[in-house]
Amino acid sequence: MTRQAARYLSVAITILLLAGCTQSRTLPDGETAGSQPAGSGQAVTDIRYQVGPCHGTCPVYSVEISEDGTTRFTGERFTAVDGERVRVNDPERFTRIERRLAPWQPTMGTTIDTPDCGPRATDLSHYTVTWTSRDGETATLEHDSGCHSAEARRLTEQLRALPQTLDIEPWIER
């Protein structure tokens, strides 16, 4: 077996093993969410995401949403508002965000990059999503929105929909 064939076989086996560990379910509002990642088992109390710069005028900001629904936005560059804004949302918004991002949440205590990036454009925004548990442990996902695999595009779509779900679009769009 050639080295390249062995490498492809290894990747295929890894993908199949990972696929076997993933479950999805349809939520009452029609969204699909995966099961909690293996070993996470801890209740998440905060989700924070940061949107980094691109090679242009993409908005740069961070958002933290707590389990009580409180949403804290900090506009840094190319946003409609600069600095911090706070919106008191209902706890269901946190639950909705948590469910949408569940398929991509790493195991607590780990940091991962975009799974299956595929071909990549190098001039688009980067996202950092951090889940924090009650005991302060974190799980972090680094996502490059320039990744073009089908799975990466689905993640980018979910991340780009978060401002609408949190009702903070007016703070971002210029």
C-alpha atoms as a PDB file:
ATOM      1  CA  MET A   1       0.000   0.000   0.000  1.00  0.00           C
ATOM      2  CA  THR A   2       1.402   3.403  -0.903  1.00  0.00           C
ATOM      3  CA  ARG A   3       1.847   6.120   1.704  1.00  0.00           C
ATOM      4  CA  GLN A   4      -0.857   8.226   0.093  1.00  0.00           C
ATOM      5  CA  ALA A   5      -3.347   5.333   0.059  1.00  0.00           C
ATOM      6  CA  ALA A   6      -2.547   4.592   3.712  1.00  0.00           C
ATOM      7  CA  ARG A   7      -3.112   8.243   4.583  1.00  0.00           C
ATOM      8  CA  TYR A   8      -6.503   8.292   2.793  1.00  0.00           C
ATOM      9  CA  LEU A   9      -7.517   5.071   4.542  1.00  0.00           C
ATOM     10  CA  SER A  10      -6.533   6.533   7.906  1.00  0.00           C
ATOM     11  CA  VAL A  11      -8.552   9.689   7.265  1.00  0.00           C
ATOM     12  CA  ALA A  12     -11.571   7.666   6.090  1.00  0.00           C
ATOM     13  CA  ILE A  13     -11.491   5.493   9.227  1.00  0.00           C
ATOM     14  CA  THR A  14     -11.218   8.568  11.454  1.00  0.00           C
ATOM     15  CA  ILE A  15     -14.203  10.200   9.730  1.00  0.00           C
ATOM     16  CA  LEU A  16     -16.288   7.051  10.096  1.00  0.00           C
ATOM     17  CA  LEU A  17     -15.406   6.756  13.775  1.00  0.00           C
ATOM     18  CA  LEU A  18     -16.290  10.396  14.396  1.00  0.00           C
ATOM     19  CA  ALA A  19     -19.526  10.084  12.435  1.00  0.00           C
ATOM     20  CA  GLY A  20     -20.560   7.168  14.603  1.00  0.00           C
ATOM     21  CA  CYS A  21     -20.207   9.345  17.711  1.00  0.00           C
ATOM     22  CA  THR A  22     -22.426  12.119  16.387  1.00  0.00           C
ATOM     23  CA  GLN A  23     -26.157  12.196  16.912  1.00  0.00           C
ATOM     24  CA  SER A  24     -28.593  14.803  15.762  1.00  0.00           C
ATOM     25  CA  ARG A  25     -32.151  15.518  16.643  1.00  0.00           C
ATOM     26  CA  THR A  26     -34.822  17.886  15.458  1.00  0.00           C
ATOM     27  CA  LEU A  27     -35.843  20.431  18.044  1.00  0.00           C
ATOM     28  CA  PRO A  28     -39.410  21.669  18.515  1.00  0.00           C
ATOM     29  CA  ASP A  29     -38.684  24.876  16.578  1.00  0.00           C
ATOM     30  CA  GLY A  30     -37.377  22.868  13.611  1.00  0.00           C
ATOM     31  CA  GLU A  31     -33.677  23.421  14.304  1.00  0.00           C
ATOM     32  CA  THR A  32     -31.304  20.491  14.305  1.00  0.00           C
ATOM     33  CA  ALA A  33     -28.892  20.034  17.163  1.00  0.00           C
ATOM     34  CA  GLY A  34     -26.284  17.425  17.875  1.00  0.00           C
ATOM     35  CA  SER A  35     -25.839  15.654  21.157  1.00  0.00           C
ATOM     36  CA  GLN A  36     -23.392  17.066  23.655  1.00  0.00           C
ATOM     37  CA  PRO A  37     -19.850  16.107  22.750  1.00  0.00           C
ATOM     38  CA  ALA A  38     -18.441  13.058  24.492  1.00  0.00           C
ATOM     39  CA  GLY A  39     -17.036  13.962  27.875  1.00  0.00           C
ATOM     40  CA  SER A  40     -18.649  17.407  28.065  1.00  0.00           C
ATOM     41  CA  GLY A  41     -21.469  16.402  30.425  1.00  0.00           C
ATOM     42  CA  GLN A  42     -21.164  19.790  32.140  1.00  0.00           C
ATOM     43  CA  ALA A  43     -23.793  22.484  31.982  1.00  0.00           C
ATOM     44  CA  VAL A  44     -22.683  25.455  29.907  1.00  0.00           C
ATOM     45  CA  THR A  45     -23.283  28.820  31.576  1.00  0.00           C
ATOM     46  CA  ASP A  46     -21.789  31.193  29.009  1.00  0.00           C
ATOM     47  CA  ILE A  47     -21.076  31.191  25.304  1.00  0.00           C
ATOM     48  CA  ARG A  48     -18.769  33.822  23.892  1.00  0.00           C
ATOM     49  CA  TYR A  49     -17.932  34.370  20.274  1.00  0.00           C
ATOM     50  CA  GLN A  50     -15.499  36.772  18.720  1.00  0.00           C
ATOM     51  CA  VAL A  51     -15.430  37.819  15.094  1.00  0.00           C
ATOM     52  CA  GLY A  52     -11.969  38.739  13.867  1.00  0.00           C
ATOM     53  CA  PRO A  53     -10.852  40.970  11.039  1.00  0.00           C
ATOM     54  CA  CYS A  54     -10.679  40.160   7.361  1.00  0.00           C
ATOM     55  CA  HIS A  55      -8.693  41.844   4.585  1.00  0.00           C
ATOM     56  CA  GLY A  56     -11.210  44.666   4.315  1.00  0.00           C
ATOM     57  CA  THR A  57     -13.911  46.288   6.410  1.00  0.00           C
ATOM     58  CA  CYS A  58     -15.525  43.245   8.013  1.00  0.00           C
ATOM     59  CA  PRO A  59     -17.003  43.981  11.450  1.00  0.00           C
ATOM     60  CA  VAL A  60     -14.784  43.081  14.424  1.00  0.00           C
ATOM     61  CA  TYR A  61     -16.705  42.447  17.637  1.00  0.00           C
ATOM     62  CA  SER A  62     -17.345  40.031  20.481  1.00  0.00           C
ATOM     63  CA  VAL A  63     -20.564  38.790  22.074  1.00  0.00           C
ATOM     64  CA  GLU A  64     -21.109  36.966  25.335  1.00  0.00           C
ATOM     65  CA  ILE A  65     -24.455  35.439  26.207  1.00  0.00           C
ATOM     66  CA  SER A  66     -25.155  34.065  29.675  1.00  0.00           C
ATOM     67  CA  GLU A  67     -27.594  31.320  30.548  1.00  0.00           C
ATOM     68  CA  ASP A  68     -29.993  33.945  31.964  1.00  0.00           C
ATOM     69  CA  GLY A  69     -30.161  35.473  28.456  1.00  0.00           C
ATOM     70  CA  THR A  70     -28.045  38.561  29.134  1.00  0.00           C
ATOM     71  CA  THR A  71     -26.197  39.495  25.963  1.00  0.00           C
ATOM     72  CA  ARG A  72     -23.043  41.618  26.148  1.00  0.00           C
ATOM     73  CA  PHE A  73     -21.764  43.057  22.848  1.00  0.00           C
ATOM     74  CA  THR A  74     -18.444  44.848  22.348  1.00  0.00           C
ATOM     75  CA  GLY A  75     -17.933  46.567  18.995  1.00  0.00           C
ATOM     76  CA  GLU A  76     -14.276  47.052  18.084  1.00  0.00           C
ATOM     77  CA  ARG A  77     -14.027  48.062  14.399  1.00  0.00           C
ATOM     78  CA  PHE A  78     -16.357  48.524  11.449  1.00  0.00           C
ATOM     79  CA  THR A  79     -19.489  48.101  13.573  1.00  0.00           C
ATOM     80  CA  ALA A  80     -22.468  50.452  13.884  1.00  0.00           C
ATOM     81  CA  VAL A  81     -21.638  51.010  17.562  1.00  0.00           C
ATOM     82  CA  ASP A  82     -18.272  51.005  19.291  1.00  0.00           C
ATOM     83  CA  GLY A  83     -17.772  49.782  22.818  1.00  0.00           C
ATOM     84  CA  GLU A  84     -20.030  47.746  25.044  1.00  0.00           C
ATOM     85  CA  ARG A  85     -23.793  47.346  24.847  1.00  0.00           C
ATOM     86  CA  VAL A  86     -25.936  45.044  26.991  1.00  0.00           C
ATOM     87  CA  ARG A  87     -29.305  43.558  26.112  1.00  0.00           C
ATOM     88  CA  VAL A  88     -31.396  41.592  28.575  1.00  0.00           C
ATOM     89  CA  ASN A  89     -32.866  38.730  26.568  1.00  0.00           C
ATOM     90  CA  ASP A  90     -34.884  35.797  27.811  1.00  0.00           C
ATOM     91  CA  PRO A  91     -33.042  32.567  28.743  1.00  0.00           C
ATOM     92  CA  GLU A  92     -34.551  30.859  25.672  1.00  0.00           C
ATOM     93  CA  ARG A  93     -32.146  32.851  23.466  1.00  0.00           C
ATOM     94  CA  PHE A  94     -29.209  31.251  25.264  1.00  0.00           C
ATOM     95  CA  THR A  95     -30.779  27.807  24.850  1.00  0.00           C
ATOM     96  CA  ARG A  96     -31.366  28.444  21.147  1.00  0.00           C
ATOM     97  CA  ILE A  97     -27.727  29.500  20.618  1.00  0.00           C
ATOM     98  CA  GLU A  98     -26.463  26.542  22.638  1.00  0.00           C
ATOM     99  CA  ARG A  99     -28.524  24.116  20.535  1.00  0.00           C
ATOM    100  CA  ARG A 100     -27.430  25.654  17.235  1.00  0.00           C
ATOM    101  CA  LEU A 101     -23.768  25.398  18.115  1.00  0.00           C
ATOM    102  CA  ALA A 102     -23.910  22.014  19.895  1.00  0.00           C
ATOM    103  CA  PRO A 103     -22.780  19.969  16.859  1.00  0.00           C
ATOM    104  CA  TRP A 104     -19.486  21.883  16.806  1.00  0.00           C
ATOM    105  CA  GLN A 105     -18.812  22.167  20.554  1.00  0.00           C
ATOM    106  CA  PRO A 106     -15.494  20.528  21.451  1.00  0.00           C
ATOM    107  CA  THR A 107     -15.029  18.506  24.615  1.00  0.00           C
ATOM    108  CA  MET A 108     -14.496  20.715  27.674  1.00  0.00           C
ATOM    109  CA  GLY A 109     -10.832  21.469  28.232  1.00  0.00           C
ATOM    110  CA  THR A 110      -9.951  21.387  24.525  1.00  0.00           C
ATOM    111  CA  THR A 111      -9.479  23.782  21.630  1.00  0.00           C
ATOM    112  CA  ILE A 112     -10.047  22.674  18.041  1.00  0.00           C
ATOM    113  CA  ASP A 113      -9.835  24.294  14.618  1.00  0.00           C
ATOM    114  CA  THR A 114     -12.523  24.168  11.948  1.00  0.00           C
ATOM    115  CA  PRO A 115     -13.251  20.499  11.348  1.00  0.00           C
ATOM    116  CA  ASP A 116     -12.826  19.518   7.691  1.00  0.00           C
ATOM    117  CA  CYS A 117     -11.884  22.948   6.357  1.00  0.00           C
ATOM    118  CA  GLY A 118     -11.516  21.892   2.739  1.00  0.00           C
ATOM    119  CA  PRO A 119     -10.452  24.522   0.201  1.00  0.00           C
ATOM    120  CA  ARG A 120     -10.030  27.907   1.875  1.00  0.00           C
ATOM    121  CA  ALA A 121     -10.255  31.591   0.993  1.00  0.00           C
ATOM    122  CA  THR A 122      -7.690  33.461   3.069  1.00  0.00           C
ATOM    123  CA  ASP A 123      -9.299  36.874   3.345  1.00  0.00           C
ATOM    124  CA  LEU A 124     -12.466  36.182   5.364  1.00  0.00           C
ATOM    125  CA  SER A 125     -13.293  36.616   9.055  1.00  0.00           C
ATOM    126  CA  HIS A 126     -12.267  34.197  11.767  1.00  0.00           C
ATOM    127  CA  TYR A 127     -14.552  33.213  14.640  1.00  0.00           C
ATOM    128  CA  THR A 128     -13.562  32.045  18.089  1.00  0.00           C
ATOM    129  CA  VAL A 129     -16.389  30.392  20.025  1.00  0.00           C
ATOM    130  CA  THR A 130     -15.851  29.581  23.704  1.00  0.00           C
ATOM    131  CA  TRP A 131     -18.236  27.593  25.882  1.00  0.00           C
ATOM    132  CA  THR A 132     -17.757  27.943  29.667  1.00  0.00           C
ATOM    133  CA  SER A 133     -19.097  25.446  32.213  1.00  0.00           C
ATOM    134  CA  ARG A 134     -20.226  26.104  35.784  1.00  0.00           C
ATOM    135  CA  ASP A 135     -16.814  25.137  37.136  1.00  0.00           C
ATOM    136  CA  GLY A 136     -15.048  27.521  34.741  1.00  0.00           C
ATOM    137  CA  GLU A 137     -13.770  24.903  32.310  1.00  0.00           C
ATOM    138  CA  THR A 138     -13.835  25.972  28.660  1.00  0.00           C
ATOM    139  CA  ALA A 139     -14.131  24.438  25.224  1.00  0.00           C
ATOM    140  CA  THR A 140     -12.955  26.548  22.283  1.00  0.00           C
ATOM    141  CA  LEU A 141     -13.584  26.337  18.555  1.00  0.00           C
ATOM    142  CA  GLU A 142     -11.455  28.373  16.143  1.00  0.00           C
ATOM    143  CA  HIS A 143     -13.337  28.738  12.855  1.00  0.00           C
ATOM    144  CA  ASP A 144     -12.121  30.225   9.583  1.00  0.00           C
ATOM    145  CA  SER A 145     -15.153  31.374   7.597  1.00  0.00           C
ATOM    146  CA  GLY A 146     -13.043  31.008   4.450  1.00  0.00           C
ATOM    147  CA  CYS A 147     -13.264  27.203   4.757  1.00  0.00           C
ATOM    148  CA  HIS A 148     -15.393  25.810   1.930  1.00  0.00           C
ATOM    149  CA  SER A 149     -16.245  22.245   2.916  1.00  0.00           C
ATOM    150  CA  ALA A 150     -19.981  21.622   3.289  1.00  0.00           C
ATOM    151  CA  GLU A 151     -19.689  21.226   7.073  1.00  0.00           C
ATOM    152  CA  ALA A 152     -17.595  24.402   7.419  1.00  0.00           C
ATOM    153  CA  ARG A 153     -20.112  26.370   5.341  1.00  0.00           C
ATOM    154  CA  ARG A 154     -22.951  25.149   7.601  1.00  0.00           C
ATOM    155  CA  LEU A 155     -21.021  26.333  10.657  1.00  0.00           C
ATOM    156  CA  THR A 156     -20.353  29.722   9.035  1.00  0.00           C
ATOM    157  CA  GLU A 157     -24.089  30.080   8.284  1.00  0.00           C
ATOM    158  CA  GLN A 158     -24.965  29.290  11.902  1.00  0.00           C
ATOM    159  CA  LEU A 159     -22.426  31.804  13.204  1.00  0.00           C
ATOM    160  CA  ARG A 160     -23.597  34.522  10.820  1.00  0.00           C
ATOM    161  CA  ALA A 161     -27.206  33.976  12.004  1.00  0.00           C
ATOM    162  CA  LEU A 162     -26.371  34.547  15.684  1.00  0.00           C
ATOM    163  CA  PRO A 163     -26.741  38.374  15.627  1.00  0.00           C
ATOM    164  CA  GLN A 164     -30.299  38.058  14.323  1.00  0.00           C
ATOM    165  CA  THR A 165     -31.161  35.453  16.957  1.00  0.00           C
ATOM    166  CA  LEU A 166     -29.748  37.726  19.661  1.00  0.00           C
ATOM    167  CA  ASP A 167     -31.393  40.851  18.180  1.00  0.00           C
ATOM    168  CA  ILE A 168     -28.065  42.713  17.972  1.00  0.00           C
ATOM    169  CA  GLU A 169     -27.898  43.252  14.204  1.00  0.00           C
ATOM    170  CA  PRO A 170     -28.381  47.037  14.551  1.00  0.00           C
ATOM    171  CA  TRP A 171     -25.188  47.196  16.633  1.00  0.00           C
ATOM    172  CA  ILE A 172     -23.160  45.448  13.916  1.00  0.00           C
ATOM    173  CA  GLU A 173     -24.432  46.572  10.534  1.00  0.00           C
ATOM    174  CA  ARG A 174     -23.219  49.955   9.325  1.00  0.00           C
END
